[in-house]
């Protein structure tokens, strides 16, 4: 993952015992559930402590403050989002793969009954204007998402599946934008039509560059 804190986080996790890793994961999952349900601002460290069933000393051993915990939640949610899109997200190098990925995205959201949209974007509203470090984390994760899409489109472009004038990076951004806008409206309206329409329009535009 391209996130700047990855090496430090990986090194830290390796130093933890298996029991410590399990405790830390339980704290993050408890925080993620609470923040998704009631928002970041309304979730206190004490709330997380009770939800995770850990002592205050344990909680602050793994996370020095709420900001650090929020960044861990962002990483946890982002990793879950990307994992749910596999194996398609890492192989968006054909129109067939793009269509299969689109169908999976819609299936996931219908399974969630449109709650919390994408579990990353549900954090954006509270973070974007107030928490610069967390905002930067989100920017990195979305850039990674865009990069995964762009990589497949660049491959299609290099193989001549897309015409020479196609801009793979711009097409990737347009597709991710359609996805995020569709997720937001589908969550508000509690129906899949906005998401499906947005993705289909973006994919149609990409197909218009087919050789």
N, C-alpha and C. Protein backbone atom coordinates (compact mmCIF):
# COMPACT_ATOMS: atom_id res chain seq x y z
N UNK A 1 0.83 -1.18 0.00
CA UNK A 1 0.00 0.00 0.00
C UNK A 1 0.87 1.23 0.00
N UNK A 2 0.47 2.30 -0.64
CA UNK A 2 1.31 3.45 -0.83
C UNK A 2 1.23 4.45 0.32
N UNK A 3 0.46 4.16 1.32
CA UNK A 3 0.31 5.06 2.44
C UNK A 3 1.65 5.28 3.13
N UNK A 4 1.96 6.52 3.51
CA UNK A 4 3.26 6.84 4.06
C UNK A 4 3.52 6.21 5.40
N UNK A 5 2.48 5.84 6.14
CA UNK A 5 2.67 5.26 7.46
C UNK A 5 2.76 3.74 7.45
N UNK A 6 2.72 3.15 6.25
CA UNK A 6 2.64 1.69 6.16
C UNK A 6 3.84 0.99 6.78
N UNK A 7 5.05 1.47 6.48
CA UNK A 7 6.23 0.78 6.99
C UNK A 7 6.28 0.81 8.51
N UNK A 8 5.94 1.97 9.09
CA UNK A 8 5.92 2.08 10.54
C UNK A 8 4.87 1.17 11.14
N UNK A 9 3.68 1.14 10.51
CA UNK A 9 2.60 0.31 11.03
C UNK A 9 2.96 -1.16 10.95
N UNK A 10 3.57 -1.57 9.84
CA UNK A 10 3.95 -2.97 9.67
C UNK A 10 4.99 -3.37 10.71
N UNK A 11 5.99 -2.51 10.92
CA UNK A 11 7.02 -2.78 11.91
C UNK A 11 6.42 -2.88 13.30
N UNK A 12 5.48 -1.98 13.60
CA UNK A 12 4.84 -1.99 14.91
C UNK A 12 4.06 -3.27 15.13
N UNK A 13 3.30 -3.70 14.12
CA UNK A 13 2.50 -4.92 14.24
C UNK A 13 3.37 -6.15 14.45
N UNK A 14 4.53 -6.17 13.79
CA UNK A 14 5.42 -7.31 13.93
C UNK A 14 5.97 -7.43 15.35
N UNK A 15 6.08 -6.28 16.04
CA UNK A 15 6.60 -6.30 17.40
C UNK A 15 5.55 -6.75 18.41
N UNK A 16 4.28 -6.72 18.03
CA UNK A 16 3.22 -7.11 18.95
C UNK A 16 3.14 -8.64 19.05
N UNK A 17 2.76 -9.11 20.22
CA UNK A 17 2.48 -10.53 20.36
C UNK A 17 1.16 -10.84 19.65
N UNK A 18 0.88 -12.12 19.46
CA UNK A 18 -0.39 -12.49 18.84
C UNK A 18 -1.57 -11.97 19.67
N UNK A 19 -1.44 -12.07 20.98
CA UNK A 19 -2.51 -11.56 21.85
C UNK A 19 -2.63 -10.05 21.71
N UNK A 20 -1.49 -9.38 21.62
CA UNK A 20 -1.53 -7.93 21.44
C UNK A 20 -2.15 -7.53 20.12
N UNK A 21 -1.83 -8.28 19.06
CA UNK A 21 -2.43 -7.99 17.75
C UNK A 21 -3.94 -8.17 17.80
N UNK A 22 -4.39 -9.21 18.49
CA UNK A 22 -5.83 -9.47 18.59
C UNK A 22 -6.52 -8.36 19.36
N UNK A 23 -5.89 -7.89 20.43
CA UNK A 23 -6.47 -6.81 21.23
C UNK A 23 -6.54 -5.53 20.42
N UNK A 24 -5.47 -5.21 19.73
CA UNK A 24 -5.44 -4.00 18.91
C UNK A 24 -6.52 -4.06 17.82
N UNK A 25 -6.64 -5.23 17.17
CA UNK A 25 -7.66 -5.39 16.12
C UNK A 25 -9.06 -5.24 16.70
N UNK A 26 -9.28 -5.76 17.89
CA UNK A 26 -10.60 -5.65 18.52
C UNK A 26 -10.94 -4.19 18.82
N UNK A 27 -9.96 -3.42 19.24
CA UNK A 27 -10.17 -2.00 19.51
C UNK A 27 -10.53 -1.26 18.23
N UNK A 28 -9.79 -1.56 17.17
CA UNK A 28 -10.06 -0.88 15.89
C UNK A 28 -11.45 -1.23 15.36
N UNK A 29 -11.82 -2.49 15.44
CA UNK A 29 -13.13 -2.91 14.96
C UNK A 29 -14.25 -2.27 15.77
N UNK A 30 -14.05 -2.17 17.09
CA UNK A 30 -15.05 -1.53 17.94
C UNK A 30 -15.18 -0.06 17.57
N UNK A 31 -14.05 0.62 17.36
CA UNK A 31 -14.07 2.02 16.99
C UNK A 31 -14.73 2.22 15.63
N UNK A 32 -14.41 1.33 14.69
CA UNK A 32 -14.99 1.44 13.34
C UNK A 32 -16.51 1.30 13.39
N UNK A 33 -17.00 0.35 14.17
CA UNK A 33 -18.45 0.15 14.28
C UNK A 33 -19.11 1.38 14.90
N UNK A 34 -18.52 1.91 15.95
CA UNK A 34 -19.10 3.07 16.63
C UNK A 34 -19.08 4.30 15.73
N UNK A 35 -17.96 4.53 15.05
CA UNK A 35 -17.83 5.72 14.20
C UNK A 35 -18.75 5.64 13.00
N UNK A 36 -18.99 4.44 12.49
CA UNK A 36 -19.92 4.28 11.38
C UNK A 36 -21.35 4.53 11.83
N UNK A 37 -21.65 4.14 13.06
CA UNK A 37 -23.01 4.26 13.58
C UNK A 37 -23.33 5.65 14.07
N UNK A 38 -22.40 6.28 14.80
CA UNK A 38 -22.74 7.54 15.44
C UNK A 38 -21.81 8.71 15.08
N UNK A 39 -20.86 8.45 14.19
CA UNK A 39 -19.97 9.51 13.76
C UNK A 39 -18.70 9.56 14.59
N UNK A 40 -17.69 10.18 14.01
CA UNK A 40 -16.41 10.29 14.70
C UNK A 40 -16.51 11.23 15.89
N UNK A 41 -17.13 12.37 15.67
CA UNK A 41 -17.20 13.37 16.72
C UNK A 41 -17.93 12.90 17.96
N UNK A 42 -18.91 12.05 17.79
CA UNK A 42 -19.71 11.58 18.92
C UNK A 42 -19.14 10.31 19.56
N UNK A 43 -18.07 9.81 19.00
CA UNK A 43 -17.45 8.60 19.55
C UNK A 43 -16.25 8.99 20.40
N UNK A 44 -16.33 8.72 21.67
CA UNK A 44 -15.23 9.05 22.59
C UNK A 44 -14.33 7.83 22.80
N UNK A 45 -13.17 8.08 23.33
CA UNK A 45 -12.27 6.98 23.67
C UNK A 45 -12.91 6.08 24.72
N UNK A 46 -13.69 6.67 25.61
CA UNK A 46 -14.39 5.87 26.63
C UNK A 46 -15.42 4.95 25.99
N UNK A 47 -16.10 5.45 24.95
CA UNK A 47 -17.06 4.62 24.22
C UNK A 47 -16.36 3.41 23.61
N UNK A 48 -15.22 3.67 23.00
CA UNK A 48 -14.46 2.58 22.37
C UNK A 48 -13.98 1.59 23.41
N UNK A 49 -13.53 2.10 24.54
CA UNK A 49 -13.07 1.24 25.63
C UNK A 49 -14.15 0.27 26.07
N UNK A 50 -15.36 0.80 26.24
CA UNK A 50 -16.49 -0.05 26.66
C UNK A 50 -16.86 -1.05 25.58
N UNK A 51 -16.91 -0.57 24.34
CA UNK A 51 -17.31 -1.45 23.23
C UNK A 51 -16.32 -2.58 23.03
N UNK A 52 -15.03 -2.28 23.16
CA UNK A 52 -13.99 -3.28 22.94
C UNK A 52 -13.73 -4.13 24.17
N UNK A 53 -14.31 -3.71 25.31
CA UNK A 53 -14.12 -4.43 26.58
C UNK A 53 -12.63 -4.52 26.95
N UNK A 54 -11.99 -3.35 26.94
CA UNK A 54 -10.60 -3.26 27.35
C UNK A 54 -10.46 -2.18 28.42
N UNK A 55 -9.38 -2.23 29.17
CA UNK A 55 -9.12 -1.21 30.16
C UNK A 55 -8.53 0.03 29.51
N UNK A 56 -8.58 1.13 30.24
CA UNK A 56 -8.04 2.39 29.71
C UNK A 56 -6.56 2.26 29.42
N UNK A 57 -5.83 1.56 30.27
CA UNK A 57 -4.39 1.41 30.05
C UNK A 57 -4.12 0.63 28.77
N UNK A 58 -4.94 -0.37 28.48
CA UNK A 58 -4.78 -1.13 27.24
C UNK A 58 -5.05 -0.25 26.03
N UNK A 59 -6.15 0.49 26.10
CA UNK A 59 -6.54 1.34 24.97
C UNK A 59 -5.42 2.33 24.64
N UNK A 60 -4.90 3.01 25.67
CA UNK A 60 -3.89 4.03 25.43
C UNK A 60 -2.50 3.44 25.20
N UNK A 61 -2.34 2.18 25.48
CA UNK A 61 -1.09 1.50 25.12
C UNK A 61 -0.98 1.37 23.61
N UNK A 62 -2.09 1.06 22.96
CA UNK A 62 -2.09 0.86 21.51
C UNK A 62 -2.32 2.15 20.74
N UNK A 63 -3.07 3.08 21.32
CA UNK A 63 -3.40 4.34 20.64
C UNK A 63 -3.26 5.49 21.63
N UNK A 64 -2.31 6.36 21.35
CA UNK A 64 -2.01 7.43 22.30
C UNK A 64 -3.14 8.46 22.40
N UNK A 65 -3.89 8.63 21.33
CA UNK A 65 -5.00 9.58 21.36
C UNK A 65 -6.02 9.19 20.29
N UNK A 66 -7.09 9.94 20.25
CA UNK A 66 -8.18 9.62 19.33
C UNK A 66 -7.74 9.80 17.87
N UNK A 67 -6.90 10.79 17.61
CA UNK A 67 -6.46 11.01 16.23
C UNK A 67 -5.74 9.78 15.68
N UNK A 68 -4.91 9.18 16.51
CA UNK A 68 -4.19 7.98 16.08
C UNK A 68 -5.16 6.83 15.84
N UNK A 69 -6.17 6.73 16.68
CA UNK A 69 -7.18 5.68 16.51
C UNK A 69 -7.98 5.89 15.23
N UNK A 70 -8.34 7.14 14.95
CA UNK A 70 -9.09 7.44 13.73
C UNK A 70 -8.30 7.03 12.49
N UNK A 71 -6.99 7.30 12.49
CA UNK A 71 -6.16 6.91 11.34
C UNK A 71 -6.12 5.39 11.19
N UNK A 72 -6.10 4.69 12.32
CA UNK A 72 -6.12 3.22 12.25
C UNK A 72 -7.46 2.72 11.70
N UNK A 73 -8.54 3.38 12.08
CA UNK A 73 -9.86 3.02 11.56
C UNK A 73 -9.92 3.25 10.05
N UNK A 74 -9.37 4.36 9.59
CA UNK A 74 -9.35 4.64 8.16
C UNK A 74 -8.64 3.52 7.41
N UNK A 75 -7.46 3.11 7.91
CA UNK A 75 -6.71 2.03 7.26
C UNK A 75 -7.50 0.73 7.28
N UNK A 76 -8.13 0.45 8.41
CA UNK A 76 -8.92 -0.78 8.55
C UNK A 76 -10.08 -0.79 7.56
N UNK A 77 -10.81 0.32 7.47
CA UNK A 77 -11.95 0.39 6.56
C UNK A 77 -11.51 0.33 5.10
N UNK A 78 -10.42 1.02 4.79
CA UNK A 78 -9.94 1.03 3.41
C UNK A 78 -9.50 -0.36 2.97
N UNK A 79 -8.77 -1.04 3.82
CA UNK A 79 -8.32 -2.39 3.48
C UNK A 79 -9.51 -3.33 3.26
N UNK A 80 -10.56 -3.16 4.07
CA UNK A 80 -11.75 -3.99 3.90
C UNK A 80 -12.44 -3.69 2.58
N UNK A 81 -12.49 -2.41 2.22
CA UNK A 81 -13.12 -2.01 0.96
C UNK A 81 -12.37 -2.62 -0.23
N UNK A 82 -11.05 -2.52 -0.21
CA UNK A 82 -10.27 -3.05 -1.32
C UNK A 82 -10.34 -4.58 -1.39
N UNK A 83 -10.31 -5.21 -0.24
CA UNK A 83 -10.37 -6.67 -0.21
C UNK A 83 -11.70 -7.16 -0.79
N UNK A 84 -12.78 -6.45 -0.48
CA UNK A 84 -14.11 -6.85 -0.97
C UNK A 84 -14.21 -6.77 -2.49
N UNK A 85 -13.36 -5.96 -3.11
CA UNK A 85 -13.43 -5.79 -4.57
C UNK A 85 -12.52 -6.74 -5.34
N UNK A 86 -11.81 -7.57 -4.63
CA UNK A 86 -10.92 -8.51 -5.31
C UNK A 86 -11.70 -9.74 -5.78
N UNK A 87 -11.23 -10.41 -6.83
CA UNK A 87 -9.97 -10.18 -7.54
C UNK A 87 -10.05 -9.14 -8.65
N UNK A 88 -11.19 -8.47 -8.79
CA UNK A 88 -11.40 -7.60 -9.93
C UNK A 88 -10.59 -6.31 -9.87
N UNK A 89 -10.53 -5.68 -8.70
CA UNK A 89 -9.90 -4.37 -8.62
C UNK A 89 -8.45 -4.40 -9.09
N UNK A 90 -7.75 -5.46 -8.81
CA UNK A 90 -6.35 -5.54 -9.22
C UNK A 90 -6.15 -5.97 -10.66
N UNK A 91 -7.26 -6.20 -11.39
CA UNK A 91 -7.14 -6.72 -12.77
C UNK A 91 -8.17 -6.09 -13.70
N UNK A 92 -8.31 -4.78 -13.62
CA UNK A 92 -9.29 -4.09 -14.46
C UNK A 92 -8.68 -3.77 -15.82
N UNK A 93 -8.28 -4.81 -16.55
CA UNK A 93 -7.54 -4.62 -17.80
C UNK A 93 -8.31 -5.09 -19.02
N UNK A 94 -9.65 -5.17 -18.90
CA UNK A 94 -10.48 -5.52 -20.05
C UNK A 94 -11.89 -5.00 -19.80
N UNK A 95 -12.67 -4.87 -20.86
CA UNK A 95 -14.05 -4.43 -20.68
C UNK A 95 -14.85 -5.45 -19.87
N UNK A 96 -14.55 -6.71 -20.08
CA UNK A 96 -15.23 -7.76 -19.32
C UNK A 96 -14.93 -7.63 -17.83
N UNK A 97 -13.67 -7.37 -17.49
CA UNK A 97 -13.29 -7.22 -16.09
C UNK A 97 -13.93 -5.98 -15.47
N UNK A 98 -13.97 -4.90 -16.23
CA UNK A 98 -14.62 -3.67 -15.74
C UNK A 98 -16.10 -3.92 -15.45
N UNK A 99 -16.77 -4.65 -16.34
CA UNK A 99 -18.18 -4.94 -16.14
C UNK A 99 -18.38 -5.83 -14.91
N UNK A 100 -17.52 -6.82 -14.74
CA UNK A 100 -17.63 -7.72 -13.57
C UNK A 100 -17.41 -6.95 -12.28
N UNK A 101 -16.45 -6.02 -12.29
CA UNK A 101 -16.20 -5.18 -11.12
C UNK A 101 -17.41 -4.31 -10.82
N UNK A 102 -17.99 -3.74 -11.84
CA UNK A 102 -19.22 -2.92 -11.68
C UNK A 102 -20.32 -3.73 -11.04
N UNK A 103 -20.53 -4.95 -11.52
CA UNK A 103 -21.59 -5.81 -10.98
C UNK A 103 -21.31 -6.16 -9.52
N UNK A 104 -20.04 -6.38 -9.18
CA UNK A 104 -19.69 -6.70 -7.80
C UNK A 104 -19.95 -5.52 -6.87
N UNK A 105 -19.60 -4.31 -7.31
CA UNK A 105 -19.84 -3.12 -6.51
C UNK A 105 -21.33 -2.98 -6.17
N UNK A 106 -22.16 -3.18 -7.16
CA UNK A 106 -23.60 -3.07 -6.95
C UNK A 106 -24.10 -4.17 -6.02
N UNK A 107 -23.59 -5.37 -6.21
CA UNK A 107 -23.98 -6.49 -5.35
C UNK A 107 -23.61 -6.22 -3.89
N UNK A 108 -22.43 -5.66 -3.68
CA UNK A 108 -21.99 -5.34 -2.32
C UNK A 108 -22.92 -4.33 -1.67
N UNK A 109 -23.25 -3.28 -2.41
CA UNK A 109 -24.10 -2.23 -1.83
C UNK A 109 -25.52 -2.72 -1.57
N UNK A 110 -26.03 -3.56 -2.44
CA UNK A 110 -27.36 -4.11 -2.20
C UNK A 110 -27.34 -5.03 -0.98
N UNK A 111 -26.25 -5.76 -0.81
CA UNK A 111 -26.12 -6.61 0.36
C UNK A 111 -26.08 -5.82 1.65
N UNK A 112 -25.50 -4.63 1.59
CA UNK A 112 -25.43 -3.76 2.77
C UNK A 112 -26.73 -2.98 2.98
N UNK A 113 -27.64 -3.09 2.03
CA UNK A 113 -28.88 -2.32 2.06
C UNK A 113 -28.59 -0.82 2.11
N UNK A 114 -27.50 -0.44 1.42
CA UNK A 114 -27.13 0.96 1.22
C UNK A 114 -26.77 1.69 2.52
N UNK A 115 -26.39 0.95 3.54
CA UNK A 115 -25.96 1.57 4.79
C UNK A 115 -24.48 1.90 4.70
N UNK A 116 -24.12 3.12 5.15
CA UNK A 116 -22.73 3.58 5.23
C UNK A 116 -22.03 3.71 3.88
N UNK A 117 -22.77 3.54 2.79
CA UNK A 117 -22.16 3.70 1.48
C UNK A 117 -20.88 2.91 1.37
N UNK A 118 -19.82 3.58 0.96
CA UNK A 118 -18.49 2.99 1.03
C UNK A 118 -17.96 3.35 2.40
N UNK A 119 -17.45 2.39 3.14
CA UNK A 119 -17.08 2.64 4.52
C UNK A 119 -15.91 3.62 4.65
N UNK A 120 -15.26 3.98 3.54
CA UNK A 120 -14.26 5.04 3.60
C UNK A 120 -14.94 6.38 3.46
N UNK A 121 -15.80 6.53 2.45
CA UNK A 121 -16.37 7.85 2.21
C UNK A 121 -17.30 8.30 3.32
N UNK A 122 -17.77 7.37 4.14
CA UNK A 122 -18.61 7.77 5.27
C UNK A 122 -17.83 8.57 6.30
N UNK A 123 -16.49 8.50 6.24
CA UNK A 123 -15.64 9.25 7.17
C UNK A 123 -15.26 10.62 6.63
N UNK A 124 -15.43 10.83 5.33
CA UNK A 124 -14.91 12.03 4.69
C UNK A 124 -15.53 13.30 5.24
N UNK A 125 -16.86 13.32 5.39
CA UNK A 125 -17.55 14.54 5.78
C UNK A 125 -17.04 15.13 7.08
N UNK A 126 -16.77 14.29 8.06
CA UNK A 126 -16.31 14.80 9.35
C UNK A 126 -14.84 15.16 9.36
N UNK A 127 -14.07 14.54 8.48
CA UNK A 127 -12.61 14.68 8.53
C UNK A 127 -12.09 15.78 7.62
N UNK A 128 -12.73 15.97 6.48
CA UNK A 128 -12.16 16.79 5.40
C UNK A 128 -11.76 18.18 5.84
N UNK A 129 -12.54 18.81 6.72
CA UNK A 129 -12.29 20.20 7.09
C UNK A 129 -11.60 20.37 8.43
N UNK A 130 -11.49 19.30 9.21
CA UNK A 130 -11.04 19.48 10.59
C UNK A 130 -9.78 18.72 10.97
N UNK A 131 -9.51 17.61 10.32
CA UNK A 131 -8.38 16.76 10.72
C UNK A 131 -7.44 16.58 9.53
N UNK A 132 -6.41 17.42 9.47
CA UNK A 132 -5.55 17.43 8.30
C UNK A 132 -4.80 16.12 8.12
N UNK A 133 -4.28 15.53 9.21
CA UNK A 133 -3.54 14.28 9.08
C UNK A 133 -4.45 13.16 8.59
N UNK A 134 -5.65 13.09 9.17
CA UNK A 134 -6.59 12.05 8.74
C UNK A 134 -7.06 12.30 7.32
N UNK A 135 -7.25 13.57 6.96
CA UNK A 135 -7.65 13.90 5.58
C UNK A 135 -6.57 13.42 4.61
N UNK A 136 -5.31 13.62 4.97
CA UNK A 136 -4.22 13.18 4.11
C UNK A 136 -4.22 11.67 3.96
N UNK A 137 -4.56 10.97 5.05
CA UNK A 137 -4.67 9.51 4.97
C UNK A 137 -5.74 9.11 3.97
N UNK A 138 -6.88 9.77 4.04
CA UNK A 138 -7.97 9.46 3.12
C UNK A 138 -7.57 9.76 1.68
N UNK A 139 -6.89 10.87 1.47
CA UNK A 139 -6.43 11.22 0.13
C UNK A 139 -5.53 10.11 -0.42
N UNK A 140 -4.65 9.59 0.43
CA UNK A 140 -3.74 8.53 -0.01
C UNK A 140 -4.49 7.26 -0.39
N UNK A 141 -5.49 6.90 0.42
CA UNK A 141 -6.26 5.68 0.14
C UNK A 141 -7.06 5.83 -1.15
N UNK A 142 -7.69 7.00 -1.35
CA UNK A 142 -8.45 7.20 -2.58
C UNK A 142 -7.51 7.25 -3.79
N UNK A 143 -6.31 7.79 -3.60
CA UNK A 143 -5.34 7.81 -4.69
C UNK A 143 -4.93 6.38 -5.05
N UNK A 144 -4.81 5.54 -4.04
CA UNK A 144 -4.49 4.13 -4.31
C UNK A 144 -5.62 3.47 -5.10
N UNK A 145 -6.85 3.74 -4.71
CA UNK A 145 -8.02 3.19 -5.40
C UNK A 145 -8.01 3.65 -6.87
N UNK A 146 -7.82 4.95 -7.06
CA UNK A 146 -7.76 5.50 -8.42
C UNK A 146 -6.62 4.87 -9.21
N UNK A 147 -5.48 4.66 -8.53
CA UNK A 147 -4.33 4.07 -9.19
C UNK A 147 -4.58 2.64 -9.65
N UNK A 148 -5.32 1.87 -8.84
CA UNK A 148 -5.65 0.50 -9.24
C UNK A 148 -6.49 0.48 -10.51
N UNK A 149 -7.46 1.40 -10.58
CA UNK A 149 -8.29 1.49 -11.79
C UNK A 149 -7.44 1.95 -12.97
N UNK A 150 -6.62 2.98 -12.73
CA UNK A 150 -5.79 3.55 -13.79
C UNK A 150 -4.82 2.52 -14.35
N UNK A 151 -4.28 1.67 -13.48
CA UNK A 151 -3.31 0.67 -13.94
C UNK A 151 -3.92 -0.25 -14.99
N UNK A 152 -5.15 -0.71 -14.75
CA UNK A 152 -5.81 -1.57 -15.71
C UNK A 152 -6.10 -0.86 -17.02
N UNK A 153 -6.52 0.41 -16.93
CA UNK A 153 -6.82 1.17 -18.14
C UNK A 153 -5.55 1.49 -18.92
N UNK A 154 -4.46 1.76 -18.21
CA UNK A 154 -3.19 1.97 -18.89
C UNK A 154 -2.76 0.70 -19.64
N UNK A 155 -3.02 -0.45 -19.04
CA UNK A 155 -2.69 -1.70 -19.71
C UNK A 155 -3.51 -1.87 -20.98
N UNK A 156 -4.81 -1.56 -20.89
CA UNK A 156 -5.67 -1.64 -22.07
C UNK A 156 -5.19 -0.67 -23.15
N UNK A 157 -4.75 0.50 -22.73
CA UNK A 157 -4.26 1.51 -23.67
C UNK A 157 -2.98 1.02 -24.35
N UNK A 158 -2.08 0.44 -23.56
CA UNK A 158 -0.81 -0.04 -24.10
C UNK A 158 -1.01 -1.19 -25.08
N UNK A 159 -2.04 -2.01 -24.85
CA UNK A 159 -2.31 -3.15 -25.73
C UNK A 159 -3.12 -2.76 -26.95
N UNK A 160 -3.54 -1.51 -27.03
CA UNK A 160 -4.31 -1.07 -28.17
C UNK A 160 -5.79 -1.34 -28.05
N UNK A 161 -6.26 -1.75 -26.87
CA UNK A 161 -7.69 -1.96 -26.66
C UNK A 161 -8.41 -0.62 -26.62
N UNK A 162 -7.73 0.40 -26.09
CA UNK A 162 -8.24 1.77 -26.11
C UNK A 162 -7.45 2.57 -27.14
N UNK A 163 -8.12 3.50 -27.82
CA UNK A 163 -7.48 4.29 -28.86
C UNK A 163 -6.37 5.16 -28.27
N UNK A 164 -5.48 5.59 -29.11
CA UNK A 164 -4.31 6.34 -28.66
C UNK A 164 -4.68 7.64 -27.96
N UNK A 165 -5.78 8.28 -28.35
CA UNK A 165 -6.15 9.56 -27.74
C UNK A 165 -6.80 9.41 -26.36
N UNK A 166 -7.08 8.19 -25.95
CA UNK A 166 -7.68 7.97 -24.62
C UNK A 166 -6.70 8.37 -23.53
N UNK A 167 -7.22 8.90 -22.44
CA UNK A 167 -6.40 9.30 -21.28
C UNK A 167 -6.74 8.36 -20.13
N UNK A 168 -5.98 7.29 -19.92
CA UNK A 168 -6.31 6.31 -18.88
C UNK A 168 -6.45 6.92 -17.49
N UNK A 169 -5.56 7.85 -17.14
CA UNK A 169 -5.63 8.47 -15.81
C UNK A 169 -6.92 9.27 -15.65
N UNK A 170 -7.28 10.03 -16.68
CA UNK A 170 -8.52 10.81 -16.61
C UNK A 170 -9.75 9.92 -16.58
N UNK A 171 -9.72 8.82 -17.33
CA UNK A 171 -10.84 7.89 -17.33
C UNK A 171 -10.98 7.21 -15.97
N UNK A 172 -9.85 6.91 -15.33
CA UNK A 172 -9.89 6.29 -14.01
C UNK A 172 -10.51 7.23 -12.99
N UNK A 173 -10.13 8.50 -13.05
CA UNK A 173 -10.69 9.49 -12.13
C UNK A 173 -12.19 9.65 -12.36
N UNK A 174 -12.60 9.67 -13.63
CA UNK A 174 -14.02 9.80 -13.94
C UNK A 174 -14.81 8.61 -13.41
N UNK A 175 -14.24 7.40 -13.53
CA UNK A 175 -14.94 6.21 -13.05
C UNK A 175 -15.04 6.21 -11.52
N UNK A 176 -13.97 6.59 -10.84
CA UNK A 176 -14.02 6.64 -9.38
C UNK A 176 -14.98 7.72 -8.91
N UNK A 177 -15.02 8.83 -9.61
CA UNK A 177 -15.95 9.91 -9.25
C UNK A 177 -17.40 9.45 -9.43
N UNK A 178 -17.67 8.75 -10.52
CA UNK A 178 -19.02 8.21 -10.75
C UNK A 178 -19.39 7.22 -9.65
N UNK A 179 -18.44 6.41 -9.26
CA UNK A 179 -18.68 5.43 -8.19
C UNK A 179 -19.02 6.13 -6.89
N UNK A 180 -18.22 7.11 -6.49
CA UNK A 180 -18.45 7.78 -5.21
C UNK A 180 -19.75 8.59 -5.21
N UNK A 181 -20.01 9.28 -6.30
CA UNK A 181 -21.28 10.02 -6.39
C UNK A 181 -22.47 9.08 -6.38
N UNK A 182 -22.34 7.95 -7.07
CA UNK A 182 -23.42 6.97 -7.09
C UNK A 182 -23.66 6.36 -5.73
N UNK A 183 -22.58 6.10 -4.99
CA UNK A 183 -22.73 5.55 -3.63
C UNK A 183 -23.47 6.52 -2.72
N UNK A 184 -23.12 7.80 -2.82
CA UNK A 184 -23.78 8.80 -1.97
C UNK A 184 -25.26 8.89 -2.26
N UNK A 185 -25.63 9.01 -3.54
CA UNK A 185 -27.05 9.14 -3.88
C UNK A 185 -27.82 7.85 -3.60
N UNK A 186 -27.20 6.71 -3.81
CA UNK A 186 -27.87 5.45 -3.51
C UNK A 186 -28.12 5.31 -2.02
N UNK A 187 -27.17 5.78 -1.21
CA UNK A 187 -27.37 5.72 0.23
C UNK A 187 -28.52 6.64 0.65
N UNK A 188 -28.59 7.83 0.05
CA UNK A 188 -29.66 8.77 0.39
C UNK A 188 -31.02 8.24 -0.04
N UNK A 189 -31.08 7.67 -1.24
CA UNK A 189 -32.36 7.22 -1.79
C UNK A 189 -32.68 5.77 -1.46
N UNK A 190 -31.67 5.06 -0.93
CA UNK A 190 -31.84 3.65 -0.56
C UNK A 190 -32.32 2.81 -1.74
N UNK A 191 -31.69 3.04 -2.86
CA UNK A 191 -31.94 2.24 -4.07
C UNK A 191 -30.68 2.25 -4.92
N UNK A 192 -30.55 1.27 -5.78
CA UNK A 192 -29.31 1.08 -6.51
C UNK A 192 -29.22 1.90 -7.79
N UNK A 193 -30.32 2.49 -8.22
CA UNK A 193 -30.36 3.16 -9.52
C UNK A 193 -29.28 4.23 -9.70
N UNK A 194 -29.06 5.14 -8.74
CA UNK A 194 -28.01 6.15 -8.97
C UNK A 194 -26.63 5.54 -9.16
N UNK A 195 -26.31 4.53 -8.36
CA UNK A 195 -25.01 3.88 -8.46
C UNK A 195 -24.86 3.18 -9.80
N UNK A 196 -25.86 2.42 -10.19
CA UNK A 196 -25.81 1.69 -11.46
C UNK A 196 -25.73 2.66 -12.64
N UNK A 197 -26.51 3.74 -12.58
CA UNK A 197 -26.52 4.71 -13.67
C UNK A 197 -25.17 5.41 -13.80
N UNK A 198 -24.61 5.82 -12.67
CA UNK A 198 -23.32 6.49 -12.71
C UNK A 198 -22.21 5.60 -13.24
N UNK A 199 -22.15 4.36 -12.76
CA UNK A 199 -21.13 3.43 -13.23
C UNK A 199 -21.32 3.09 -14.71
N UNK A 200 -22.56 2.87 -15.11
CA UNK A 200 -22.82 2.53 -16.51
C UNK A 200 -22.44 3.67 -17.44
N UNK A 201 -22.73 4.91 -17.01
CA UNK A 201 -22.36 6.06 -17.85
C UNK A 201 -20.85 6.18 -17.98
N UNK A 202 -20.13 5.98 -16.88
CA UNK A 202 -18.67 6.06 -16.92
C UNK A 202 -18.08 4.94 -17.78
N UNK A 203 -18.64 3.73 -17.65
CA UNK A 203 -18.13 2.62 -18.46
C UNK A 203 -18.47 2.81 -19.94
N UNK A 204 -19.62 3.37 -20.20
CA UNK A 204 -19.97 3.66 -21.60
C UNK A 204 -18.97 4.64 -22.19
N UNK A 205 -18.60 5.64 -21.41
CA UNK A 205 -17.62 6.63 -21.89
C UNK A 205 -16.27 5.97 -22.16
N UNK A 206 -15.86 5.07 -21.28
CA UNK A 206 -14.59 4.35 -21.49
C UNK A 206 -14.69 3.51 -22.77
N UNK A 207 -15.83 2.84 -22.96
CA UNK A 207 -16.00 2.00 -24.16
C UNK A 207 -15.99 2.82 -25.45
N UNK A 208 -16.35 4.11 -25.33
CA UNK A 208 -16.35 4.95 -26.54
C UNK A 208 -14.96 5.13 -27.12
N UNK A 209 -13.93 4.78 -26.33
CA UNK A 209 -12.55 4.87 -26.81
C UNK A 209 -12.02 3.52 -27.31
N UNK A 210 -12.90 2.53 -27.39
CA UNK A 210 -12.47 1.23 -27.88
C UNK A 210 -12.02 1.30 -29.32
N UNK A 211 -10.97 0.53 -29.65
CA UNK A 211 -10.49 0.54 -31.03
C UNK A 211 -11.44 -0.25 -31.91
